[in-house]
PDB file of all heavy atoms in Angstrom:
ATOM      1  N   GLY A   1     -69.385  50.505-110.273  1.00  0.00           N
ATOM      2  CA  GLY A   1     -68.382  49.611-109.694  1.00  0.00           C
ATOM      3  C   GLY A   1     -67.612  50.291-108.614  1.00  0.00           C
ATOM      4  O   GLY A   1     -67.756  51.501-108.398  1.00  0.00           O
ATOM      5  N   GLN A   2     -66.791  49.541-107.917  1.00  0.00           N
ATOM      6  CA  GLN A   2     -65.985  50.071-106.818  1.00  0.00           C
ATOM      7  C   GLN A   2     -64.532  50.127-107.283  1.00  0.00           C
ATOM      8  O   GLN A   2     -63.883  49.095-107.422  1.00  0.00           O
ATOM      9  CB  GLN A   2     -66.120  49.187-105.590  1.00  0.00           C
ATOM     10  CG  GLN A   2     -65.474  49.759-104.346  1.00  0.00           C
ATOM     11  CD  GLN A   2     -66.088  51.053-103.912  1.00  0.00           C
ATOM     12  OE1 GLN A   2     -67.303  51.268-103.968  1.00  0.00           O
ATOM     13  NE2 GLN A   2     -65.269  51.979-103.460  1.00  0.00           N
ATOM     14  N   GLY A   3     -64.066  51.334-107.547  1.00  0.00           N
ATOM     15  CA  GLY A   3     -62.681  51.514-107.934  1.00  0.00           C
ATOM     16  C   GLY A   3     -61.772  51.821-106.729  1.00  0.00           C
ATOM     17  O   GLY A   3     -62.229  51.873-105.604  1.00  0.00           O
ATOM     18  N   LEU A   4     -60.494  51.979-106.981  1.00  0.00           N
ATOM     19  CA  LEU A   4     -59.535  52.263-105.920  1.00  0.00           C
ATOM     20  C   LEU A   4     -59.810  53.536-105.188  1.00  0.00           C
ATOM     21  O   LEU A   4     -59.526  53.666-104.012  1.00  0.00           O
ATOM     22  CB  LEU A   4     -58.095  52.282-106.464  1.00  0.00           C
ATOM     23  CG  LEU A   4     -57.544  50.966-106.987  1.00  0.00           C
ATOM     24  CD1 LEU A   4     -56.193  51.194-107.628  1.00  0.00           C
ATOM     25  CD2 LEU A   4     -57.457  49.949-105.866  1.00  0.00           C
ATOM     26  N   ASN A   5     -60.420  54.515-105.885  1.00  0.00           N
ATOM     27  CA  ASN A   5     -60.691  55.827-105.278  1.00  0.00           C
ATOM     28  C   ASN A   5     -62.182  56.025-104.990  1.00  0.00           C
ATOM     29  O   ASN A   5     -62.586  57.148-104.791  1.00  0.00           O
ATOM     30  CB  ASN A   5     -60.189  56.941-106.224  1.00  0.00           C
ATOM     31  CG  ASN A   5     -58.696  56.891-106.372  1.00  0.00           C
ATOM     32  OD1 ASN A   5     -57.967  56.690-105.435  1.00  0.00           O
ATOM     33  ND2 ASN A   5     -58.239  57.114-107.594  1.00  0.00           N
ATOM     34  N   GLY A   6     -62.926  54.951-104.938  1.00  0.00           N
ATOM     35  CA  GLY A   6     -64.335  55.082-104.613  1.00  0.00           C
ATOM     36  C   GLY A   6     -65.238  54.615-105.733  1.00  0.00           C
ATOM     37  O   GLY A   6     -64.814  53.900-106.638  1.00  0.00           O
ATOM     38  N   LEU A   7     -66.504  55.017-105.638  1.00  0.00           N
ATOM     39  CA  LEU A   7     -67.515  54.579-106.579  1.00  0.00           C
ATOM     40  C   LEU A   7     -67.257  55.111-107.989  1.00  0.00           C
ATOM     41  O   LEU A   7     -66.901  56.302-108.143  1.00  0.00           O
ATOM     42  CB  LEU A   7     -68.900  55.050-106.102  1.00  0.00           C
ATOM     43  CG  LEU A   7     -70.071  54.642-106.982  1.00  0.00           C
ATOM     44  CD1 LEU A   7     -70.273  53.128-106.946  1.00  0.00           C
ATOM     45  CD2 LEU A   7     -71.320  55.345-106.507  1.00  0.00           C
ATOM     46  N   VAL A   8     -67.473  54.283-108.970  1.00  0.00           N
ATOM     47  CA  VAL A   8     -67.370  54.661-110.362  1.00  0.00           C
ATOM     48  C   VAL A   8     -68.761  54.490-110.947  1.00  0.00           C
ATOM     49  O   VAL A   8     -69.420  53.474-110.700  1.00  0.00           O
ATOM     50  CB  VAL A   8     -66.391  53.730-111.136  1.00  0.00           C
ATOM     51  CG1 VAL A   8     -66.363  54.036-112.600  1.00  0.00           C
ATOM     52  CG2 VAL A   8     -65.001  53.790-110.539  1.00  0.00           C
ATOM     53  N   ALA A   9     -69.258  55.499-111.676  1.00  0.00           N
ATOM     54  CA  ALA A   9     -70.557  55.428-112.332  1.00  0.00           C
ATOM     55  C   ALA A   9     -70.482  56.118-113.682  1.00  0.00           C
ATOM     56  O   ALA A   9     -70.015  57.252-113.777  1.00  0.00           O
ATOM     57  CB  ALA A   9     -71.593  56.079-111.438  1.00  0.00           C
ATOM     58  N   VAL A  10     -70.913  55.405-114.707  1.00  0.00           N
ATOM     59  CA  VAL A  10     -70.882  55.906-116.083  1.00  0.00           C
ATOM     60  C   VAL A  10     -72.229  55.604-116.720  1.00  0.00           C
ATOM     61  O   VAL A  10     -72.760  54.512-116.593  1.00  0.00           O
ATOM     62  CB  VAL A  10     -69.754  55.224-116.890  1.00  0.00           C
ATOM     63  CG1 VAL A  10     -69.717  55.751-118.305  1.00  0.00           C
ATOM     64  CG2 VAL A  10     -68.419  55.392-116.213  1.00  0.00           C
ATOM     65  N   THR A  11     -72.808  56.577-117.449  1.00  0.00           N
ATOM     66  CA  THR A  11     -74.047  56.340-118.161  1.00  0.00           C
ATOM     67  C   THR A  11     -73.751  56.032-119.628  1.00  0.00           C
ATOM     68  O   THR A  11     -72.796  56.559-120.197  1.00  0.00           O
ATOM     69  CB  THR A  11     -75.001  57.531-118.101  1.00  0.00           C
ATOM     70  OG1 THR A  11     -74.348  58.693-118.634  1.00  0.00           O
ATOM     71  CG2 THR A  11     -75.425  57.815-116.681  1.00  0.00           C
ATOM     72  N   CYS A  12     -74.557  55.147-120.207  1.00  0.00           N
ATOM     73  CA  CYS A  12     -74.407  54.781-121.625  1.00  0.00           C
ATOM     74  C   CYS A  12     -75.803  54.732-122.258  1.00  0.00           C
ATOM     75  O   CYS A  12     -76.755  54.465-121.586  1.00  0.00           O
ATOM     76  CB  CYS A  12     -73.759  53.386-121.725  1.00  0.00           C
ATOM     77  SG  CYS A  12     -72.111  53.301-121.052  1.00  0.00           S
ATOM     78  N   GLU A  13     -75.844  55.022-123.522  1.00  0.00           N
ATOM     79  CA  GLU A  13     -77.130  55.086-124.225  1.00  0.00           C
ATOM     80  C   GLU A  13     -77.589  53.753-124.781  1.00  0.00           C
ATOM     81  O   GLU A  13     -78.782  53.571-125.081  1.00  0.00           O
ATOM     82  CB  GLU A  13     -77.077  56.121-125.357  1.00  0.00           C
ATOM     83  CG  GLU A  13     -76.942  57.536-124.830  1.00  0.00           C
ATOM     84  CD  GLU A  13     -77.040  58.567-125.922  1.00  0.00           C
ATOM     85  OE1 GLU A  13     -77.553  58.267-127.005  1.00  0.00           O
ATOM     86  OE2 GLU A  13     -76.614  59.712-125.672  1.00  0.00           O
ATOM     87  N   THR A  14     -76.669  52.792-124.967  1.00  0.00           N
ATOM     88  CA  THR A  14     -77.054  51.520-125.522  1.00  0.00           C
ATOM     89  C   THR A  14     -76.490  50.388-124.662  1.00  0.00           C
ATOM     90  O   THR A  14     -75.559  50.555-123.910  1.00  0.00           O
ATOM     91  CB  THR A  14     -76.477  51.333-126.954  1.00  0.00           C
ATOM     92  OG1 THR A  14     -75.034  51.252-126.876  1.00  0.00           O
ATOM     93  CG2 THR A  14     -76.893  52.447-127.869  1.00  0.00           C
ATOM     94  N   ALA A  15     -77.124  49.220-124.789  1.00  0.00           N
ATOM     95  CA  ALA A  15     -76.642  48.029-124.073  1.00  0.00           C
ATOM     96  C   ALA A  15     -75.257  47.689-124.468  1.00  0.00           C
ATOM     97  O   ALA A  15     -74.419  47.344-123.658  1.00  0.00           O
ATOM     98  CB  ALA A  15     -77.615  46.877-124.301  1.00  0.00           C
ATOM     99  N   ALA A  16     -74.957  47.758-125.775  1.00  0.00           N
ATOM    100  CA  ALA A  16     -73.631  47.405-126.267  1.00  0.00           C
ATOM    101  C   ALA A  16     -72.557  48.345-125.675  1.00  0.00           C
ATOM    102  O   ALA A  16     -71.490  47.871-125.267  1.00  0.00           O
ATOM    103  CB  ALA A  16     -73.577  47.508-127.802  1.00  0.00           C
ATOM    104  N   ALA A  17     -72.841  49.605-125.602  1.00  0.00           N
ATOM    105  CA  ALA A  17     -71.893  50.573-124.991  1.00  0.00           C
ATOM    106  C   ALA A  17     -71.713  50.300-123.518  1.00  0.00           C
ATOM    107  O   ALA A  17     -70.586  50.380-123.002  1.00  0.00           O
ATOM    108  CB  ALA A  17     -72.330  52.015-125.221  1.00  0.00           C
ATOM    109  N   ALA A  18     -72.791  49.942-122.835  1.00  0.00           N
ATOM    110  CA  ALA A  18     -72.698  49.651-121.400  1.00  0.00           C
ATOM    111  C   ALA A  18     -71.855  48.395-121.143  1.00  0.00           C
ATOM    112  O   ALA A  18     -71.009  48.354-120.238  1.00  0.00           O
ATOM    113  CB  ALA A  18     -74.102  49.477-120.824  1.00  0.00           C
ATOM    114  N   VAL A  19     -72.075  47.354-121.948  1.00  0.00           N
ATOM    115  CA  VAL A  19     -71.296  46.142-121.796  1.00  0.00           C
ATOM    116  C   VAL A  19     -69.838  46.380-122.100  1.00  0.00           C
ATOM    117  O   VAL A  19     -68.946  45.937-121.353  1.00  0.00           O
ATOM    118  CB  VAL A  19     -71.857  45.005-122.679  1.00  0.00           C
ATOM    119  CG1 VAL A  19     -70.940  43.797-122.709  1.00  0.00           C
ATOM    120  CG2 VAL A  19     -73.244  44.605-122.182  1.00  0.00           C
ATOM    121  N   GLU A  20     -69.571  47.152-123.124  1.00  0.00           N
ATOM    122  CA  GLU A  20     -68.148  47.496-123.474  1.00  0.00           C
ATOM    123  C   GLU A  20     -67.494  48.257-122.332  1.00  0.00           C
ATOM    124  O   GLU A  20     -66.380  47.943-121.956  1.00  0.00           O
ATOM    125  CB  GLU A  20     -68.164  48.326-124.747  1.00  0.00           C
ATOM    126  CG  GLU A  20     -66.756  48.685-125.209  1.00  0.00           C
ATOM    127  CD  GLU A  20     -66.764  49.498-126.480  1.00  0.00           C
ATOM    128  OE1 GLU A  20     -67.736  49.415-127.263  1.00  0.00           O
ATOM    129  OE2 GLU A  20     -65.788  50.203-126.737  1.00  0.00           O
ATOM    130  N   LYS A  21     -68.179  49.221-121.783  1.00  0.00           N
ATOM    131  CA  LYS A  21     -67.606  50.005-120.650  1.00  0.00           C
ATOM    132  C   LYS A  21     -67.436  49.137-119.427  1.00  0.00           C
ATOM    133  O   LYS A  21     -66.416  49.218-118.743  1.00  0.00           O
ATOM    134  CB  LYS A  21     -68.509  51.211-120.354  1.00  0.00           C
ATOM    135  CG  LYS A  21     -67.932  52.109-119.309  1.00  0.00           C
ATOM    136  CD  LYS A  21     -66.641  52.711-119.791  1.00  0.00           C
ATOM    137  CE  LYS A  21     -66.024  53.628-118.760  1.00  0.00           C
ATOM    138  NZ  LYS A  21     -64.745  54.200-119.198  1.00  0.00           N
ATOM    139  N   ALA A  22     -68.443  48.302-119.127  1.00  0.00           N
ATOM    140  CA  ALA A  22     -68.313  47.422-117.955  1.00  0.00           C
ATOM    141  C   ALA A  22     -67.118  46.494-118.067  1.00  0.00           C
ATOM    142  O   ALA A  22     -66.372  46.298-117.127  1.00  0.00           O
ATOM    143  CB  ALA A  22     -69.604  46.618-117.770  1.00  0.00           C
ATOM    144  N   ARG A  23     -66.925  45.952-119.248  1.00  0.00           N
ATOM    145  CA  ARG A  23     -65.812  44.984-119.465  1.00  0.00           C
ATOM    146  C   ARG A  23     -64.467  45.755-119.337  1.00  0.00           C
ATOM    147  O   ARG A  23     -63.511  45.211-118.788  1.00  0.00           O
ATOM    148  CB  ARG A  23     -65.919  44.305-120.806  1.00  0.00           C
ATOM    149  CG  ARG A  23     -67.045  43.288-120.803  1.00  0.00           C
ATOM    150  CD  ARG A  23     -67.177  42.612-122.124  1.00  0.00           C
ATOM    151  NE  ARG A  23     -68.198  41.517-122.060  1.00  0.00           N
ATOM    152  CZ  ARG A  23     -68.821  41.056-123.094  1.00  0.00           C
ATOM    153  NH1 ARG A  23     -68.564  41.489-124.330  1.00  0.00           N
ATOM    154  NH2 ARG A  23     -69.728  40.094-122.954  1.00  0.00           N
ATOM    155  N   ALA A  24     -64.433  47.005-119.789  1.00  0.00           N
ATOM    156  CA  ALA A  24     -63.215  47.787-119.677  1.00  0.00           C
ATOM    157  C   ALA A  24     -62.935  48.095-118.208  1.00  0.00           C
ATOM    158  O   ALA A  24     -61.752  48.038-117.768  1.00  0.00           O
ATOM    159  CB  ALA A  24     -63.345  49.104-120.468  1.00  0.00           C
ATOM    160  N   LEU A  25     -63.971  48.400-117.425  1.00  0.00           N
ATOM    161  CA  LEU A  25     -63.777  48.664-116.004  1.00  0.00           C
ATOM    162  C   LEU A  25     -63.258  47.423-115.282  1.00  0.00           C
ATOM    163  O   LEU A  25     -62.352  47.513-114.424  1.00  0.00           O
ATOM    164  CB  LEU A  25     -65.092  49.127-115.339  1.00  0.00           C
ATOM    165  CG  LEU A  25     -65.539  50.535-115.779  1.00  0.00           C
ATOM    166  CD1 LEU A  25     -66.942  50.817-115.174  1.00  0.00           C
ATOM    167  CD2 LEU A  25     -64.585  51.599-115.328  1.00  0.00           C
ATOM    168  N   ILE A  26     -63.814  46.282-115.614  1.00  0.00           N
ATOM    169  CA  ILE A  26     -63.351  45.019-115.001  1.00  0.00           C
ATOM    170  C   ILE A  26     -61.896  44.787-115.340  1.00  0.00           C
ATOM    171  O   ILE A  26     -61.099  44.384-114.472  1.00  0.00           O
ATOM    172  CB  ILE A  26     -64.256  43.826-115.442  1.00  0.00           C
ATOM    173  CG1 ILE A  26     -65.674  43.996-114.839  1.00  0.00           C
ATOM    174  CG2 ILE A  26     -63.600  42.513-115.080  1.00  0.00           C
ATOM    175  CD1 ILE A  26     -66.686  43.048-115.435  1.00  0.00           C
ATOM    176  N   ALA A  27     -61.513  45.004-116.600  1.00  0.00           N
ATOM    177  CA  ALA A  27     -60.144  44.825-117.013  1.00  0.00           C
ATOM    178  C   ALA A  27     -59.207  45.790-116.274  1.00  0.00           C
ATOM    179  O   ALA A  27     -58.050  45.475-116.060  1.00  0.00           O
ATOM    180  CB  ALA A  27     -60.019  45.040-118.510  1.00  0.00           C
ATOM    181  N   ASP A  28     -59.735  46.953-115.876  1.00  0.00           N
ATOM    182  CA  ASP A  28     -58.928  47.921-115.137  1.00  0.00           C
ATOM    183  C   ASP A  28     -58.887  47.671-113.627  1.00  0.00           C
ATOM    184  O   ASP A  28     -58.312  48.435-112.888  1.00  0.00           O
ATOM    185  CB  ASP A  28     -59.463  49.338-115.386  1.00  0.00           C
ATOM    186  CG  ASP A  28     -59.133  49.853-116.770  1.00  0.00           C
ATOM    187  OD1 ASP A  28     -58.221  49.295-117.434  1.00  0.00           O
ATOM    188  OD2 ASP A  28     -59.789  50.830-117.191  1.00  0.00           O
ATOM    189  N   GLY A  29     -59.539  46.594-113.201  1.00  0.00           N
ATOM    190  CA  GLY A  29     -59.526  46.222-111.794  1.00  0.00           C
ATOM    191  C   GLY A  29     -60.639  46.714-110.932  1.00  0.00           C
ATOM    192  O   GLY A  29     -60.610  46.611-109.722  1.00  0.00           O
ATOM    193  N   VAL A  30     -61.651  47.311-111.567  1.00  0.00           N
ATOM    194  CA  VAL A  30     -62.806  47.784-110.785  1.00  0.00           C
ATOM    195  C   VAL A  30     -63.613  46.590-110.323  1.00  0.00           C
ATOM    196  O   VAL A  30     -63.829  45.638-111.085  1.00  0.00           O
ATOM    197  CB  VAL A  30     -63.663  48.737-111.665  1.00  0.00           C
ATOM    198  CG1 VAL A  30     -64.942  49.141-110.945  1.00  0.00           C
ATOM    199  CG2 VAL A  30     -62.848  49.973-112.040  1.00  0.00           C
ATOM    200  N   LEU A  31     -64.040  46.630-109.061  1.00  0.00           N
ATOM    201  CA  LEU A  31     -64.770  45.504-108.451  1.00  0.00           C
ATOM    202  C   LEU A  31     -66.275  45.754-108.463  1.00  0.00           C
ATOM    203  O   LEU A  31     -66.716  46.917-108.549  1.00  0.00           O
ATOM    204  CB  LEU A  31     -64.279  45.297-107.027  1.00  0.00           C
ATOM    205  CG  LEU A  31     -62.787  45.021-106.835  1.00  0.00           C
ATOM    206  CD1 LEU A  31     -62.460  44.985-105.370  1.00  0.00           C
ATOM    207  CD2 LEU A  31     -62.384  43.761-107.548  1.00  0.00           C
ATOM    208  N   ASP A  32     -67.049  44.713-108.287  1.00  0.00           N
ATOM    209  CA  ASP A  32     -68.489  44.812-108.117  1.00  0.00           C
ATOM    210  C   ASP A  32     -69.162  45.562-109.273  1.00  0.00           C
ATOM    211  O   ASP A  32     -70.085  46.368-109.024  1.00  0.00           O
ATOM    212  CB  ASP A  32     -68.856  45.400-106.756  1.00  0.00           C
ATOM    213  CG  ASP A  32     -68.282  44.656-105.616  1.00  0.00           C
ATOM    214  OD1 ASP A  32     -68.219  43.411-105.685  1.00  0.00           O
ATOM    215  OD2 ASP A  32     -67.864  45.272-104.625  1.00  0.00           O
ATOM    216  N   VAL A  33     -68.776  45.298-110.487  1.00  0.00           N
ATOM    217  CA  VAL A  33     -69.318  46.027-111.661  1.00  0.00           C
ATOM    218  C   VAL A  33     -70.697  45.485-111.942  1.00  0.00           C
ATOM    219  O   VAL A  33     -70.937  44.270-111.996  1.00  0.00           O
ATOM    220  CB  VAL A  33     -68.399  45.860-112.869  1.00  0.00           C
ATOM    221  CG1 VAL A  33     -69.033  46.461-114.116  1.00  0.00           C
ATOM    222  CG2 VAL A  33     -67.026  46.519-112.599  1.00  0.00           C
ATOM    223  N   LEU A  34     -71.661  46.402-112.086  1.00  0.00           N
ATOM    224  CA  LEU A  34     -73.041  46.092-112.417  1.00  0.00           C
ATOM    225  C   LEU A  34     -73.519  47.052-113.524  1.00  0.00           C
ATOM    226  O   LEU A  34     -73.058  48.185-113.576  1.00  0.00           O
ATOM    227  CB  LEU A  34     -73.953  46.241-111.212  1.00  0.00           C
ATOM    228  CG  LEU A  34     -73.787  45.288-110.063  1.00  0.00           C
ATOM    229  CD1 LEU A  34     -74.631  45.761-108.888  1.00  0.00           C
ATOM    230  CD2 LEU A  34     -74.137  43.889-110.451  1.00  0.00           C
ATOM    231  N   ILE A  35     -74.452  46.591-114.295  1.00  0.00           N
ATOM    232  CA  ILE A  35     -75.129  47.450-115.269  1.00  0.00           C
ATOM    233  C   ILE A  35     -76.594  47.536-114.824  1.00  0.00           C
ATOM    234  O   ILE A  35     -77.274  46.526-114.691  1.00  0.00           O
ATOM    235  CB  ILE A  35     -75.034  46.911-116.704  1.00  0.00           C
ATOM    236  CG1 ILE A  35     -73.594  46.842-117.154  1.00  0.00           C
ATOM    237  CG2 ILE A  35     -75.858  47.809-117.639  1.00  0.00           C
ATOM    238  CD1 ILE A  35     -73.404  46.187-118.511  1.00  0.00           C
ATOM    239  N   ALA A  36     -77.089  48.756-114.616  1.00  0.00           N
ATOM    240  CA  ALA A  36     -78.495  48.949-114.299  1.00  0.00           C
ATOM    241  C   ALA A  36     -79.182  49.479-115.523  1.00  0.00           C
ATOM    242  O   ALA A  36     -78.684  50.402-116.184  1.00  0.00           O
ATOM    243  CB  ALA A  36     -78.636  49.919-113.148  1.00  0.00           C
ATOM    244  N   ASP A  37     -80.345  48.903-115.833  1.00  0.00           N
ATOM    245  CA  ASP A  37     -81.085  49.398-116.991  1.00  0.00           C
ATOM    246  C   ASP A  37     -82.088  50.439-116.564  1.00  0.00           C
ATOM    247  O   ASP A  37     -82.242  50.812-115.401  1.00  0.00           O
ATOM    248  CB  ASP A  37     -81.744  48.256-117.782  1.00  0.00           C
ATOM    249  CG  ASP A  37     -82.783  47.471-116.977  1.00  0.00           C
ATOM    250  OD1 ASP A  37     -83.360  48.047-116.021  1.00  0.00           O
ATOM    251  OD2 ASP A  37     -82.979  46.287-117.271  1.00  0.00           O
ATOM    252  N   ALA A  38     -82.846  50.985-117.530  1.00  0.00           N
ATOM    253  CA  ALA A  38     -83.793  52.069-117.239  1.00  0.00           C
ATOM    254  C   ALA A  38     -84.938  51.638-116.310  1.00  0.00           C
ATOM    255  O   ALA A  38     -85.559  52.481-115.664  1.00  0.00           O
ATOM    256  CB  ALA A  38     -84.362  52.601-118.536  1.00  0.00           C
ATOM    257  N   ASP A  39     -85.180  50.371-116.242  1.00  0.00           N
ATOM    258  CA  ASP A  39     -86.212  49.840-115.336  1.00  0.00           C
ATOM    259  C   ASP A  39     -85.679  49.546-113.931  1.00  0.00           C
ATOM    260  O   ASP A  39     -86.448  49.069-113.112  1.00  0.00           O
ATOM    261  CB  ASP A  39     -86.830  48.544-115.936  1.00  0.00           C
ATOM    262  CG  ASP A  39     -87.553  48.828-117.237  1.00  0.00           C
ATOM    263  OD1 ASP A  39     -88.190  49.866-117.334  1.00  0.00           O
ATOM    264  OD2 ASP A  39     -87.491  47.971-118.126  1.00  0.00           O
ATOM    265  N   GLY A  40     -84.390  49.816-113.699  1.00  0.00           N
ATOM    266  CA  GLY A  40     -83.805  49.607-112.391  1.00  0.00           C
ATOM    267  C   GLY A  40     -83.253  48.221-112.157  1.00  0.00           C
ATOM    268  O   GLY A  40     -82.750  47.916-111.086  1.00  0.00           O
ATOM    269  N   ARG A  41     -83.387  47.335-113.159  1.00  0.00           N
ATOM    270  CA  ARG A  41     -82.851  45.999-113.004  1.00  0.00           C
ATOM    271  C   ARG A  41     -81.320  46.043-113.067  1.00  0.00           C
ATOM    272  O   ARG A  41     -80.763  46.751-113.916  1.00  0.00           O
ATOM    273  CB  ARG A  41     -83.361  45.061-114.095  1.00  0.00           C
ATOM    274  CG  ARG A  41     -84.813  44.648-113.860  1.00  0.00           C
ATOM    275  CD  ARG A  41     -85.239  43.594-114.870  1.00  0.00           C
ATOM    276  NE  ARG A  41     -85.291  44.107-116.187  1.00  0.00           N
ATOM    277  CZ  ARG A  41     -86.352  44.605-116.779  1.00  0.00           C
ATOM    278  NH1 ARG A  41     -87.503  44.654-116.149  1.00  0.00           N
ATOM    279  NH2 ARG A  41     -86.310  45.069-117.999  1.00  0.00           N
ATOM    280  N   GLN A  42     -80.648  45.330-112.173  1.00  0.00           N
ATOM    281  CA  GLN A  42     -79.205  45.267-112.157  1.00  0.00           C
ATOM    282  C   GLN A  42     -78.725  43.964-112.750  1.00  0.00           C
ATOM    283  O   GLN A  42     -79.253  42.910-112.453  1.00  0.00           O
ATOM    284  CB  GLN A  42     -78.666  45.428-110.754  1.00  0.00           C
ATOM    285  CG  GLN A  42     -78.966  46.800-110.188  1.00  0.00           C
ATOM    286  CD  GLN A  42     -78.291  47.047-108.861  1.00  0.00           C
ATOM    287  OE1 GLN A  42     -77.889  46.130-108.165  1.00  0.00           O
ATOM    288  NE2 GLN A  42     -78.174  48.311-108.482  1.00  0.00           N
ATOM    289  N   HIS A  43     -77.681  44.086-113.611  1.00  0.00           N
ATOM    290  CA  HIS A  43     -77.174  42.951-114.347  1.00  0.00           C
ATOM    291  C   HIS A  43     -75.668  42.749-113.984  1.00  0.00           C
ATOM    292  O   HIS A  43     -74.878  43.623-114.323  1.00  0.00           O
ATOM    293  CB  HIS A  43     -77.310  43.174-115.839  1.00  0.00           C
ATOM    294  CG  HIS A  43     -78.720  43.451-116.246  1.00  0.00           C
ATOM    295  ND1 HIS A  43     -79.631  42.499-116.551  1.00  0.00           N
ATOM    296  CD2 HIS A  43     -79.356  44.691-116.397  1.00  0.00           C
ATOM    297  CE1 HIS A  43     -80.771  43.086-116.854  1.00  0.00           C
ATOM    298  NE2 HIS A  43     -80.638  44.375-116.765  1.00  0.00           N
ATOM    299  N   PRO A  44     -75.326  41.655-113.314  1.00  0.00           N
ATOM    300  CA  PRO A  44     -73.917  41.362-113.031  1.00  0.00           C
ATOM    301  C   PRO A  44     -73.223  40.854-114.304  1.00  0.00           C
ATOM    302  O   PRO A  44     -73.859  40.531-115.302  1.00  0.00           O
ATOM    303  CB  PRO A  44     -74.005  40.287-111.968  1.00  0.00           C
ATOM    304  CG  PRO A  44     -75.298  39.589-112.249  1.00  0.00           C
ATOM    305  CD  PRO A  44     -76.218  40.623-112.765  1.00  0.00           C
ATOM    306  N   PRO A  45     -71.909  40.774-114.250  1.00  0.00           N
ATOM    307  CA  PRO A  45     -71.166  40.309-115.417  1.00  0.00           C
ATOM    308  C   PRO A  45     -71.647  39.029-116.072  1.00  0.00           C
ATOM    309  O   PRO A  45     -71.648  38.925-117.303  1.00  0.00           O
ATOM    310  CB  PRO A  45     -69.703  40.130-114.894  1.00  0.00           C
ATOM    311  CG  PRO A  45     -69.633  41.127-113.773  1.00  0.00           C
ATOM    312  CD  PRO A  45     -71.012  41.104-113.107  1.00  0.00           C
TER     313      PRO A  45
END
């Protein structure tokens, strides 16, 4: 996602952890949050 200080990138081992982190980033005001899976597919909120 795009935070106030630039790009934010976090890796997660499970889909549930990724969704939880993505939702937390959105709640913190991070923009353009996406989750990319191991196959390179990007998933918007």
